[in-house]
């Protein structure tokens, strides 16, 4: 089934829900050995349209004395000082709470080592590693818009890749463009391209997966 038909069928058959369902794409892989670290697939895709149902809760890791920190604070964003990260470095409960509190993070490039050392082990598995920003960058809106369109995929130890690519209130054309962007990125990342794809499915939150052709 083509992606256009699959999305149309899903929207037609959806029942009444008390929430807006998301769309995920699942890639089943073959001819790859994820037990070998060098064969595991990990990628980041910037989609044409934000796939998220609501705006991200966003935090900025930066010193408040920097241009980035000042602008972030003025725009009402949560600014996490590196000195605060150092103060909770040994408290896993507080670090975990911080990692779970926000959907996404921006980080001043000069603070990347501090961020990675303290938060990396908690943000990495959640695919929440920050988008790096120059401390002199004034166009914060551009970075916020960009991070709202980023999705991350990782095999880990599984023979599949999966990510969100939209939600049911999006136009069909936006869903299709996002889907095609993810497919193109995955095919480009696989060393042997299409031959390493076994099947591709899309699914809604509460619906059975549907196989699609690519």
N, C-alpha and C. Protein backbone atom coordinates (compact mmCIF):
# COMPACT_ATOMS: atom_id res chain seq x y z
N UNK A 1 0.84 -1.19 0.00
CA UNK A 1 0.00 0.00 0.00
C UNK A 1 0.89 1.25 0.00
N UNK A 2 0.56 2.20 -0.84
CA UNK A 2 1.30 3.45 -0.88
C UNK A 2 1.00 4.28 0.36
N UNK A 3 1.92 5.16 0.72
CA UNK A 3 1.76 5.96 1.93
C UNK A 3 0.51 6.84 1.86
N UNK A 4 0.21 7.38 0.67
CA UNK A 4 -0.97 8.22 0.53
C UNK A 4 -2.24 7.45 0.87
N UNK A 5 -2.33 6.22 0.36
CA UNK A 5 -3.51 5.39 0.61
C UNK A 5 -3.57 4.96 2.07
N UNK A 6 -2.43 4.62 2.64
CA UNK A 6 -2.39 4.15 4.03
C UNK A 6 -2.87 5.24 4.99
N UNK A 7 -2.43 6.46 4.79
CA UNK A 7 -2.85 7.56 5.66
C UNK A 7 -4.33 7.85 5.48
N UNK A 8 -4.79 7.86 4.23
CA UNK A 8 -6.21 8.10 3.97
C UNK A 8 -7.09 7.04 4.64
N UNK A 9 -6.68 5.78 4.55
CA UNK A 9 -7.44 4.69 5.17
C UNK A 9 -7.45 4.82 6.69
N UNK A 10 -6.31 5.15 7.27
CA UNK A 10 -6.24 5.30 8.72
C UNK A 10 -7.15 6.41 9.21
N UNK A 11 -7.15 7.53 8.51
CA UNK A 11 -7.99 8.66 8.92
C UNK A 11 -9.47 8.34 8.76
N UNK A 12 -9.78 7.56 7.74
CA UNK A 12 -11.18 7.21 7.49
C UNK A 12 -11.71 6.25 8.54
N UNK A 13 -10.86 5.35 9.00
CA UNK A 13 -11.30 4.30 9.92
C UNK A 13 -11.11 4.63 11.39
N UNK A 14 -10.58 5.80 11.69
CA UNK A 14 -10.31 6.13 13.09
C UNK A 14 -11.62 6.32 13.85
N UNK A 15 -11.68 5.75 15.05
CA UNK A 15 -12.86 5.92 15.89
C UNK A 15 -12.73 7.17 16.74
N UNK A 16 -13.74 7.41 17.55
CA UNK A 16 -13.70 8.58 18.43
C UNK A 16 -12.75 8.32 19.59
N UNK A 17 -11.85 9.25 19.80
CA UNK A 17 -10.88 9.14 20.89
C UNK A 17 -10.92 10.42 21.73
N UNK A 18 -10.47 10.28 22.95
CA UNK A 18 -10.38 11.45 23.82
C UNK A 18 -9.02 12.13 23.72
N UNK A 19 -8.25 11.73 22.73
CA UNK A 19 -6.92 12.31 22.54
C UNK A 19 -6.57 12.26 21.05
N UNK A 20 -5.58 13.02 20.68
CA UNK A 20 -5.11 13.06 19.29
C UNK A 20 -4.03 12.00 19.12
N UNK A 21 -4.25 11.09 18.17
CA UNK A 21 -3.29 10.01 17.96
C UNK A 21 -2.06 10.48 17.16
N UNK A 22 -0.94 9.88 17.47
CA UNK A 22 0.29 10.15 16.74
C UNK A 22 0.48 9.12 15.63
N UNK A 23 1.31 9.46 14.66
CA UNK A 23 1.72 8.54 13.60
C UNK A 23 3.19 8.20 13.78
N UNK A 24 3.49 6.91 13.80
CA UNK A 24 4.87 6.44 13.86
C UNK A 24 5.21 5.69 12.58
N UNK A 25 6.47 5.72 12.20
CA UNK A 25 6.95 4.86 11.12
C UNK A 25 7.95 3.89 11.73
N UNK A 26 7.84 2.62 11.33
CA UNK A 26 8.70 1.56 11.85
C UNK A 26 9.42 0.90 10.68
N UNK A 27 10.73 0.83 10.77
CA UNK A 27 11.55 0.17 9.75
C UNK A 27 12.09 -1.13 10.32
N UNK A 28 11.70 -2.26 9.75
CA UNK A 28 12.28 -3.54 10.14
C UNK A 28 13.51 -3.79 9.27
N UNK A 29 14.62 -4.10 9.91
CA UNK A 29 15.89 -4.21 9.20
C UNK A 29 16.32 -5.66 8.97
N UNK A 30 17.22 -5.85 8.03
CA UNK A 30 17.80 -7.16 7.76
C UNK A 30 19.24 -6.96 7.27
N UNK A 31 19.98 -8.07 7.23
CA UNK A 31 21.37 -8.02 6.74
C UNK A 31 22.22 -7.00 7.49
N UNK A 32 21.99 -6.95 8.80
CA UNK A 32 22.76 -6.04 9.65
C UNK A 32 22.91 -6.70 11.01
N UNK A 33 24.04 -6.55 11.65
CA UNK A 33 24.29 -7.19 12.94
C UNK A 33 24.40 -6.11 14.02
N UNK A 34 23.28 -5.84 14.69
CA UNK A 34 23.26 -4.77 15.69
C UNK A 34 24.02 -5.14 16.97
N UNK A 35 24.46 -6.40 17.06
CA UNK A 35 25.30 -6.77 18.20
C UNK A 35 26.68 -6.13 18.08
N UNK A 36 27.03 -5.77 16.85
CA UNK A 36 28.30 -5.09 16.61
C UNK A 36 28.08 -3.58 16.67
N UNK A 37 28.73 -2.90 17.60
CA UNK A 37 28.50 -1.45 17.76
C UNK A 37 28.65 -0.65 16.48
N UNK A 38 29.59 -1.05 15.61
CA UNK A 38 29.83 -0.27 14.40
C UNK A 38 28.74 -0.46 13.35
N UNK A 39 27.82 -1.41 13.58
CA UNK A 39 26.73 -1.62 12.63
C UNK A 39 25.39 -1.07 13.13
N UNK A 40 25.38 -0.58 14.35
CA UNK A 40 24.15 0.03 14.87
C UNK A 40 23.89 1.36 14.17
N UNK A 41 22.63 1.61 13.93
CA UNK A 41 22.24 2.81 13.19
C UNK A 41 21.69 3.86 14.15
N UNK A 42 22.17 5.08 13.99
CA UNK A 42 21.70 6.20 14.80
C UNK A 42 21.68 7.43 13.91
N UNK A 43 20.54 8.10 13.85
CA UNK A 43 20.47 9.28 12.99
C UNK A 43 19.47 10.31 13.51
N UNK A 44 19.65 11.51 13.03
CA UNK A 44 18.79 12.65 13.38
C UNK A 44 18.22 13.20 12.09
N UNK A 45 16.92 13.45 12.07
CA UNK A 45 16.26 13.94 10.86
C UNK A 45 15.52 15.24 11.17
N UNK A 46 15.74 16.25 10.34
CA UNK A 46 14.98 17.50 10.46
C UNK A 46 13.83 17.42 9.47
N UNK A 47 12.62 17.34 9.98
CA UNK A 47 11.43 17.16 9.15
C UNK A 47 10.96 18.49 8.56
N UNK A 48 10.20 18.44 7.46
CA UNK A 48 9.64 19.67 6.89
C UNK A 48 8.65 20.36 7.83
N UNK A 49 7.92 19.54 8.63
CA UNK A 49 6.88 20.07 9.52
C UNK A 49 7.04 19.46 10.91
N UNK A 50 6.73 20.23 11.93
CA UNK A 50 6.82 19.69 13.29
C UNK A 50 5.85 18.53 13.46
N UNK A 51 6.31 17.38 13.95
CA UNK A 51 5.44 16.22 14.12
C UNK A 51 4.78 16.16 15.50
N UNK A 52 5.01 17.18 16.31
CA UNK A 52 4.56 17.13 17.70
C UNK A 52 3.21 17.82 17.88
N UNK A 53 2.39 17.24 18.74
CA UNK A 53 1.03 17.75 18.95
C UNK A 53 1.00 19.06 19.72
N UNK A 54 2.01 19.30 20.51
CA UNK A 54 2.06 20.54 21.29
C UNK A 54 3.50 21.06 21.28
N UNK A 55 3.68 22.35 21.55
CA UNK A 55 5.04 22.90 21.57
C UNK A 55 5.90 22.20 22.61
N UNK A 56 7.17 22.09 22.30
CA UNK A 56 8.13 21.50 23.25
C UNK A 56 8.24 22.34 24.51
N UNK A 57 8.39 21.66 25.64
CA UNK A 57 8.91 22.35 26.82
C UNK A 57 10.43 22.32 26.67
N UNK A 58 11.02 23.50 26.68
CA UNK A 58 12.42 23.63 26.26
C UNK A 58 13.27 24.27 27.35
N UNK A 59 14.46 23.74 27.54
CA UNK A 59 15.43 24.33 28.47
C UNK A 59 16.72 24.64 27.72
N UNK A 60 17.40 25.68 28.17
CA UNK A 60 18.65 26.10 27.56
C UNK A 60 19.77 25.96 28.58
N UNK A 61 20.81 25.23 28.23
CA UNK A 61 21.97 25.06 29.11
C UNK A 61 23.00 26.11 28.73
N UNK A 62 23.15 27.10 29.57
CA UNK A 62 24.06 28.21 29.29
C UNK A 62 24.24 29.05 30.54
N UNK A 63 25.31 29.81 30.57
CA UNK A 63 25.49 30.78 31.65
C UNK A 63 24.58 31.98 31.37
N UNK A 64 23.95 32.49 32.41
CA UNK A 64 23.03 33.63 32.22
C UNK A 64 23.78 34.91 31.88
N UNK A 65 25.09 34.90 32.01
CA UNK A 65 25.89 36.07 31.65
C UNK A 65 26.21 36.11 30.16
N UNK A 66 25.96 35.00 29.44
CA UNK A 66 26.24 34.97 28.00
C UNK A 66 25.07 35.55 27.23
N UNK A 67 25.32 35.88 25.97
CA UNK A 67 24.27 36.41 25.12
C UNK A 67 23.13 35.41 24.99
N UNK A 68 23.47 34.13 24.80
CA UNK A 68 22.46 33.09 24.67
C UNK A 68 21.63 32.98 25.95
N UNK A 69 22.30 32.99 27.10
CA UNK A 69 21.59 32.89 28.36
C UNK A 69 20.67 34.07 28.60
N UNK A 70 21.14 35.27 28.29
CA UNK A 70 20.33 36.48 28.49
C UNK A 70 19.09 36.48 27.60
N UNK A 71 19.29 36.16 26.32
CA UNK A 71 18.17 36.15 25.38
C UNK A 71 17.15 35.07 25.76
N UNK A 72 17.64 33.91 26.15
CA UNK A 72 16.75 32.81 26.55
C UNK A 72 15.91 33.22 27.75
N UNK A 73 16.55 33.84 28.73
CA UNK A 73 15.85 34.28 29.94
C UNK A 73 14.82 35.34 29.59
N UNK A 74 15.18 36.29 28.73
CA UNK A 74 14.27 37.36 28.34
C UNK A 74 13.05 36.81 27.60
N UNK A 75 13.23 35.69 26.89
CA UNK A 75 12.12 35.10 26.15
C UNK A 75 11.32 34.10 26.97
N UNK A 76 11.62 34.03 28.26
CA UNK A 76 10.84 33.19 29.16
C UNK A 76 11.20 31.72 29.16
N UNK A 77 12.36 31.38 28.60
CA UNK A 77 12.79 29.98 28.60
C UNK A 77 13.50 29.64 29.90
N UNK A 78 13.46 28.38 30.27
CA UNK A 78 14.20 27.92 31.44
C UNK A 78 15.68 27.84 31.09
N UNK A 79 16.50 28.51 31.87
CA UNK A 79 17.94 28.50 31.65
C UNK A 79 18.60 27.69 32.77
N UNK A 80 19.33 26.66 32.38
CA UNK A 80 20.02 25.80 33.35
C UNK A 80 21.50 26.20 33.36
N UNK A 81 21.94 26.73 34.48
CA UNK A 81 23.33 27.15 34.61
C UNK A 81 24.25 25.94 34.75
N UNK A 82 25.41 25.95 34.09
CA UNK A 82 26.38 24.86 34.27
C UNK A 82 26.75 24.65 35.73
N UNK A 83 26.81 25.73 36.51
CA UNK A 83 27.16 25.60 37.92
C UNK A 83 26.09 24.80 38.68
N UNK A 84 24.83 24.91 38.20
CA UNK A 84 23.76 24.12 38.82
C UNK A 84 23.95 22.64 38.48
N UNK A 85 24.30 22.36 37.23
CA UNK A 85 24.55 20.97 36.84
C UNK A 85 25.66 20.36 37.69
N UNK A 86 26.70 21.14 37.92
CA UNK A 86 27.81 20.65 38.76
C UNK A 86 27.32 20.36 40.18
N UNK A 87 26.38 21.17 40.67
CA UNK A 87 25.91 21.00 42.05
C UNK A 87 25.07 19.74 42.23
N UNK A 88 24.48 19.22 41.14
CA UNK A 88 23.66 18.01 41.26
C UNK A 88 24.33 16.80 40.59
N UNK A 89 25.58 16.95 40.21
CA UNK A 89 26.28 15.91 39.44
C UNK A 89 26.27 14.55 40.11
N UNK A 90 26.24 14.51 41.44
CA UNK A 90 26.26 13.23 42.17
C UNK A 90 24.87 12.77 42.59
N UNK A 91 23.85 13.54 42.24
CA UNK A 91 22.48 13.23 42.66
C UNK A 91 21.69 12.71 41.45
N UNK A 92 21.70 11.40 41.25
CA UNK A 92 21.06 10.82 40.07
C UNK A 92 19.56 11.09 40.02
N UNK A 93 18.93 11.18 41.18
CA UNK A 93 17.49 11.43 41.23
C UNK A 93 17.17 12.81 40.65
N UNK A 94 17.96 13.82 41.02
CA UNK A 94 17.73 15.17 40.52
C UNK A 94 18.07 15.27 39.03
N UNK A 95 19.12 14.58 38.62
CA UNK A 95 19.50 14.61 37.20
C UNK A 95 18.40 13.96 36.35
N UNK A 96 17.90 12.83 36.82
CA UNK A 96 16.82 12.13 36.10
C UNK A 96 15.58 13.00 36.02
N UNK A 97 15.25 13.68 37.12
CA UNK A 97 14.09 14.58 37.14
C UNK A 97 14.26 15.69 36.11
N UNK A 98 15.45 16.25 36.04
CA UNK A 98 15.73 17.32 35.08
C UNK A 98 15.61 16.81 33.65
N UNK A 99 16.13 15.62 33.39
CA UNK A 99 16.06 15.03 32.04
C UNK A 99 14.62 14.77 31.62
N UNK A 100 13.77 14.41 32.58
CA UNK A 100 12.37 14.10 32.28
C UNK A 100 11.49 15.34 32.22
N UNK A 101 11.94 16.42 32.84
CA UNK A 101 11.11 17.62 32.97
C UNK A 101 10.88 18.32 31.64
N UNK A 102 11.86 18.26 30.74
CA UNK A 102 11.78 18.99 29.48
C UNK A 102 11.76 18.03 28.29
N UNK A 103 11.08 18.48 27.22
CA UNK A 103 11.01 17.67 26.00
C UNK A 103 12.28 17.79 25.18
N UNK A 104 12.93 18.95 25.27
CA UNK A 104 14.10 19.20 24.43
C UNK A 104 15.03 20.21 25.10
N UNK A 105 16.27 20.22 24.63
CA UNK A 105 17.29 21.08 25.22
C UNK A 105 18.12 21.76 24.13
N UNK A 106 18.49 23.00 24.39
CA UNK A 106 19.53 23.68 23.63
C UNK A 106 20.73 23.81 24.56
N UNK A 107 21.93 23.81 24.01
CA UNK A 107 23.12 23.91 24.85
C UNK A 107 24.16 24.80 24.19
N UNK A 108 24.68 25.74 24.96
CA UNK A 108 25.80 26.55 24.49
C UNK A 108 26.97 25.61 24.18
N UNK A 109 27.58 25.80 23.02
CA UNK A 109 28.64 24.88 22.59
C UNK A 109 29.80 24.81 23.59
N UNK A 110 30.04 25.89 24.31
CA UNK A 110 31.17 25.87 25.25
C UNK A 110 30.86 25.06 26.50
N UNK A 111 29.59 24.67 26.68
CA UNK A 111 29.20 23.89 27.86
C UNK A 111 28.96 22.42 27.52
N UNK A 112 29.34 22.01 26.30
CA UNK A 112 29.03 20.66 25.85
C UNK A 112 29.68 19.59 26.73
N UNK A 113 30.89 19.81 27.19
CA UNK A 113 31.55 18.80 28.01
C UNK A 113 30.86 18.62 29.35
N UNK A 114 30.50 19.74 29.98
CA UNK A 114 29.80 19.67 31.26
C UNK A 114 28.46 18.97 31.09
N UNK A 115 27.72 19.36 30.03
CA UNK A 115 26.42 18.75 29.77
C UNK A 115 26.55 17.26 29.54
N UNK A 116 27.50 16.86 28.68
CA UNK A 116 27.66 15.45 28.33
C UNK A 116 28.06 14.61 29.54
N UNK A 117 28.96 15.15 30.36
CA UNK A 117 29.44 14.41 31.53
C UNK A 117 28.34 14.18 32.56
N UNK A 118 27.47 15.16 32.74
CA UNK A 118 26.46 15.07 33.79
C UNK A 118 25.11 14.57 33.28
N UNK A 119 24.69 15.05 32.12
CA UNK A 119 23.36 14.71 31.61
C UNK A 119 23.36 13.67 30.49
N UNK A 120 24.51 13.47 29.85
CA UNK A 120 24.55 12.62 28.66
C UNK A 120 23.96 11.24 28.83
N UNK A 121 24.27 10.58 29.94
CA UNK A 121 23.79 9.21 30.17
C UNK A 121 22.29 9.15 30.37
N UNK A 122 21.68 10.29 30.72
CA UNK A 122 20.24 10.33 30.95
C UNK A 122 19.49 10.82 29.71
N UNK A 123 20.09 11.75 28.98
CA UNK A 123 19.43 12.29 27.79
C UNK A 123 19.61 11.39 26.57
N UNK A 124 20.78 10.75 26.45
CA UNK A 124 21.06 9.92 25.28
C UNK A 124 20.03 8.84 25.02
N UNK A 125 19.71 7.98 26.01
CA UNK A 125 18.73 6.92 25.79
C UNK A 125 17.33 7.44 25.47
N UNK A 126 17.05 8.69 25.85
CA UNK A 126 15.73 9.27 25.58
C UNK A 126 15.72 10.05 24.26
N UNK A 127 16.83 9.99 23.53
CA UNK A 127 16.97 10.76 22.29
C UNK A 127 16.71 12.25 22.52
N UNK A 128 17.23 12.77 23.62
CA UNK A 128 17.04 14.18 23.97
C UNK A 128 18.34 14.97 23.99
N UNK A 129 19.39 14.44 23.40
CA UNK A 129 20.65 15.19 23.42
C UNK A 129 20.44 16.57 22.81
N UNK A 130 21.00 17.60 23.45
CA UNK A 130 20.70 18.98 23.05
C UNK A 130 21.18 19.36 21.65
N UNK A 131 20.50 20.33 21.10
CA UNK A 131 20.96 20.99 19.88
C UNK A 131 21.99 22.03 20.31
N UNK A 132 23.18 21.97 19.72
CA UNK A 132 24.26 22.88 20.11
C UNK A 132 24.09 24.25 19.45
N UNK A 133 24.29 25.29 20.25
CA UNK A 133 24.09 26.66 19.79
C UNK A 133 25.29 27.50 20.22
N UNK A 134 25.74 28.38 19.35
CA UNK A 134 26.81 29.30 19.72
C UNK A 134 26.31 30.29 20.76
N UNK A 135 27.11 30.55 21.77
CA UNK A 135 26.71 31.48 22.83
C UNK A 135 26.47 32.88 22.33
N UNK A 136 27.01 33.21 21.16
CA UNK A 136 26.82 34.55 20.60
C UNK A 136 25.58 34.62 19.69
N UNK A 137 24.90 33.48 19.53
CA UNK A 137 23.77 33.41 18.61
C UNK A 137 22.57 34.19 19.16
N UNK A 138 22.08 35.13 18.37
CA UNK A 138 20.95 35.95 18.80
C UNK A 138 19.62 35.44 18.25
N UNK A 139 19.67 34.67 17.14
CA UNK A 139 18.44 34.21 16.50
C UNK A 139 17.93 32.94 17.16
N UNK A 140 17.46 33.09 18.39
CA UNK A 140 17.01 31.94 19.15
C UNK A 140 15.78 31.30 18.53
N UNK A 141 14.90 32.12 17.94
CA UNK A 141 13.67 31.61 17.34
C UNK A 141 13.96 30.58 16.26
N UNK A 142 15.04 30.80 15.51
CA UNK A 142 15.42 29.87 14.44
C UNK A 142 15.76 28.50 15.02
N UNK A 143 16.48 28.49 16.14
CA UNK A 143 16.86 27.23 16.76
C UNK A 143 15.67 26.53 17.40
N UNK A 144 14.77 27.31 17.98
CA UNK A 144 13.56 26.73 18.58
C UNK A 144 12.71 26.08 17.49
N UNK A 145 12.58 26.75 16.36
CA UNK A 145 11.82 26.20 15.24
C UNK A 145 12.47 24.92 14.73
N UNK A 146 13.79 24.93 14.66
CA UNK A 146 14.52 23.76 14.16
C UNK A 146 14.34 22.57 15.08
N UNK A 147 14.48 22.80 16.39
CA UNK A 147 14.41 21.67 17.33
C UNK A 147 13.01 21.08 17.39
N UNK A 148 12.00 21.88 17.03
CA UNK A 148 10.62 21.37 17.02
C UNK A 148 10.37 20.45 15.83
N UNK A 149 11.33 20.38 14.89
CA UNK A 149 11.17 19.52 13.71
C UNK A 149 12.15 18.35 13.70
N UNK A 150 12.92 18.21 14.78
CA UNK A 150 13.93 17.14 14.82
C UNK A 150 13.36 15.86 15.43
N UNK A 151 13.59 14.74 14.76
CA UNK A 151 13.31 13.43 15.34
C UNK A 151 14.60 12.62 15.27
N UNK A 152 14.75 11.69 16.21
CA UNK A 152 15.96 10.88 16.27
C UNK A 152 15.58 9.40 16.26
N UNK A 153 16.37 8.62 15.54
CA UNK A 153 16.14 7.18 15.44
C UNK A 153 17.40 6.44 15.83
N UNK A 154 17.22 5.30 16.49
CA UNK A 154 18.38 4.50 16.91
C UNK A 154 17.97 3.04 17.01
N UNK A 155 18.82 2.16 16.48
CA UNK A 155 18.51 0.73 16.58
C UNK A 155 18.75 0.21 18.00
N UNK A 156 19.78 0.75 18.66
CA UNK A 156 20.19 0.10 19.90
C UNK A 156 20.53 -1.34 19.57
N UNK A 157 19.96 -2.28 20.33
CA UNK A 157 20.20 -3.71 20.09
C UNK A 157 19.05 -4.37 19.34
N UNK A 158 18.15 -3.57 18.75
CA UNK A 158 17.00 -4.12 18.05
C UNK A 158 17.15 -3.96 16.54
N UNK A 159 16.54 -4.88 15.82
CA UNK A 159 16.62 -4.86 14.36
C UNK A 159 15.52 -3.98 13.78
N UNK A 160 15.38 -2.79 14.33
CA UNK A 160 14.38 -1.88 13.80
C UNK A 160 14.71 -0.44 14.18
N UNK A 161 14.12 0.46 13.43
CA UNK A 161 14.16 1.89 13.72
C UNK A 161 12.73 2.38 13.80
N UNK A 162 12.45 3.29 14.70
CA UNK A 162 11.08 3.78 14.84
C UNK A 162 11.11 5.24 15.28
N UNK A 163 10.18 6.01 14.72
CA UNK A 163 10.05 7.40 15.16
C UNK A 163 8.66 7.94 14.85
N UNK A 164 8.31 8.95 15.58
CA UNK A 164 7.12 9.74 15.31
C UNK A 164 7.33 10.54 14.03
N UNK A 165 6.27 10.68 13.20
CA UNK A 165 6.40 11.58 12.06
C UNK A 165 5.21 12.51 11.89
N UNK A 166 4.26 12.44 12.85
CA UNK A 166 3.13 13.36 12.77
C UNK A 166 2.00 12.96 13.70
N UNK A 167 0.87 13.64 13.54
CA UNK A 167 -0.32 13.35 14.33
C UNK A 167 -1.55 13.55 13.45
N UNK A 168 -2.69 13.01 13.89
CA UNK A 168 -3.83 12.86 12.98
C UNK A 168 -4.47 14.17 12.52
N UNK A 169 -4.24 15.28 13.21
CA UNK A 169 -4.83 16.54 12.78
C UNK A 169 -3.99 17.26 11.73
N UNK A 170 -2.85 16.70 11.41
CA UNK A 170 -2.02 17.29 10.34
C UNK A 170 -2.64 16.98 8.98
N UNK A 171 -2.38 17.87 8.01
CA UNK A 171 -2.82 17.61 6.64
C UNK A 171 -2.11 16.38 6.10
N UNK A 172 -2.80 15.66 5.22
CA UNK A 172 -2.20 14.48 4.60
C UNK A 172 -0.87 14.83 3.93
N UNK A 173 -0.84 15.97 3.25
CA UNK A 173 0.37 16.36 2.53
C UNK A 173 1.55 16.56 3.47
N UNK A 174 1.30 17.11 4.67
CA UNK A 174 2.37 17.30 5.65
C UNK A 174 2.86 15.96 6.19
N UNK A 175 1.93 15.05 6.46
CA UNK A 175 2.31 13.72 6.94
C UNK A 175 3.15 13.00 5.89
N UNK A 176 2.74 13.09 4.64
CA UNK A 176 3.47 12.42 3.56
C UNK A 176 4.87 13.01 3.40
N UNK A 177 4.98 14.33 3.46
CA UNK A 177 6.29 14.97 3.34
C UNK A 177 7.21 14.56 4.49
N UNK A 178 6.67 14.50 5.71
CA UNK A 178 7.48 14.07 6.85
C UNK A 178 7.91 12.61 6.71
N UNK A 179 6.97 11.76 6.30
CA UNK A 179 7.27 10.34 6.09
C UNK A 179 8.38 10.18 5.06
N UNK A 180 8.25 10.86 3.95
CA UNK A 180 9.25 10.74 2.88
C UNK A 180 10.62 11.24 3.34
N UNK A 181 10.63 12.26 4.19
CA UNK A 181 11.90 12.79 4.70
C UNK A 181 12.60 11.75 5.58
N UNK A 182 11.82 11.06 6.42
CA UNK A 182 12.40 10.03 7.29
C UNK A 182 12.92 8.86 6.44
N UNK A 183 12.13 8.43 5.48
CA UNK A 183 12.54 7.31 4.61
C UNK A 183 13.84 7.65 3.88
N UNK A 184 13.91 8.84 3.32
CA UNK A 184 15.11 9.24 2.58
C UNK A 184 16.34 9.25 3.49
N UNK A 185 16.17 9.73 4.72
CA UNK A 185 17.29 9.79 5.66
C UNK A 185 17.75 8.40 6.08
N UNK A 186 16.79 7.50 6.30
CA UNK A 186 17.13 6.13 6.70
C UNK A 186 17.84 5.41 5.57
N UNK A 187 17.33 5.53 4.35
CA UNK A 187 17.97 4.87 3.21
C UNK A 187 19.39 5.39 3.00
N UNK A 188 19.58 6.69 3.22
CA UNK A 188 20.92 7.27 3.06
C UNK A 188 21.87 6.79 4.15
N UNK A 189 21.33 6.47 5.31
CA UNK A 189 22.17 6.06 6.44
C UNK A 189 22.55 4.58 6.38
N UNK A 190 21.67 3.74 5.83
CA UNK A 190 21.95 2.31 5.75
C UNK A 190 23.09 2.06 4.77
N UNK A 191 24.14 1.36 5.18
CA UNK A 191 25.30 1.14 4.31
C UNK A 191 24.94 0.51 2.96
N UNK A 192 23.96 -0.40 2.97
CA UNK A 192 23.57 -1.08 1.73
C UNK A 192 22.18 -0.65 1.27
N UNK A 193 21.73 0.47 1.79
CA UNK A 193 20.48 1.06 1.33
C UNK A 193 19.26 0.17 1.47
N UNK A 194 18.46 0.17 0.43
CA UNK A 194 17.16 -0.51 0.44
C UNK A 194 17.26 -2.01 0.72
N UNK A 195 18.38 -2.63 0.39
CA UNK A 195 18.51 -4.08 0.60
C UNK A 195 18.52 -4.45 2.08
N UNK A 196 18.74 -3.47 2.95
CA UNK A 196 18.75 -3.74 4.39
C UNK A 196 17.41 -3.43 5.06
N UNK A 197 16.43 -3.05 4.24
CA UNK A 197 15.08 -2.84 4.75
C UNK A 197 14.23 -4.07 4.47
N UNK A 198 13.68 -4.66 5.52
CA UNK A 198 12.83 -5.83 5.36
C UNK A 198 11.39 -5.40 5.10
N UNK A 199 10.87 -4.53 5.97
CA UNK A 199 9.52 -4.01 5.80
C UNK A 199 9.44 -2.63 6.44
N UNK A 200 8.45 -1.85 5.98
CA UNK A 200 8.18 -0.54 6.57
C UNK A 200 6.70 -0.48 6.93
N UNK A 201 6.43 -0.05 8.15
CA UNK A 201 5.05 0.08 8.63
C UNK A 201 4.80 1.51 9.10
N UNK A 202 3.53 1.92 9.05
CA UNK A 202 3.13 3.10 9.80
C UNK A 202 2.02 2.67 10.75
N UNK A 203 1.91 3.38 11.86
CA UNK A 203 0.87 3.04 12.82
C UNK A 203 0.44 4.28 13.58
N UNK A 204 -0.83 4.26 13.98
CA UNK A 204 -1.34 5.26 14.90
C UNK A 204 -1.20 4.73 16.31
N UNK A 205 -1.36 5.61 17.29
CA UNK A 205 -1.17 5.22 18.69
C UNK A 205 -1.99 4.00 19.06
N UNK A 206 -3.26 3.98 18.66
CA UNK A 206 -4.17 2.91 19.08
C UNK A 206 -4.62 2.03 17.93
N UNK A 207 -3.85 1.98 16.86
CA UNK A 207 -4.25 1.19 15.69
C UNK A 207 -3.17 0.19 15.33
N UNK A 208 -3.58 -0.84 14.61
CA UNK A 208 -2.63 -1.86 14.15
C UNK A 208 -1.72 -1.27 13.08
N UNK A 209 -0.48 -1.73 13.00
CA UNK A 209 0.42 -1.24 11.96
C UNK A 209 -0.03 -1.63 10.56
N UNK A 210 0.29 -0.77 9.60
CA UNK A 210 -0.04 -1.02 8.20
C UNK A 210 1.25 -0.98 7.39
N UNK A 211 1.50 -2.03 6.61
CA UNK A 211 2.71 -2.07 5.78
C UNK A 211 2.57 -1.10 4.62
N UNK A 212 3.64 -0.38 4.32
CA UNK A 212 3.61 0.57 3.21
C UNK A 212 4.79 0.31 2.27
N UNK A 213 4.57 0.65 1.01
CA UNK A 213 5.61 0.52 0.00
C UNK A 213 6.45 1.79 -0.02
N UNK A 214 7.72 1.63 -0.32
CA UNK A 214 8.57 2.82 -0.48
C UNK A 214 9.34 2.72 -1.80
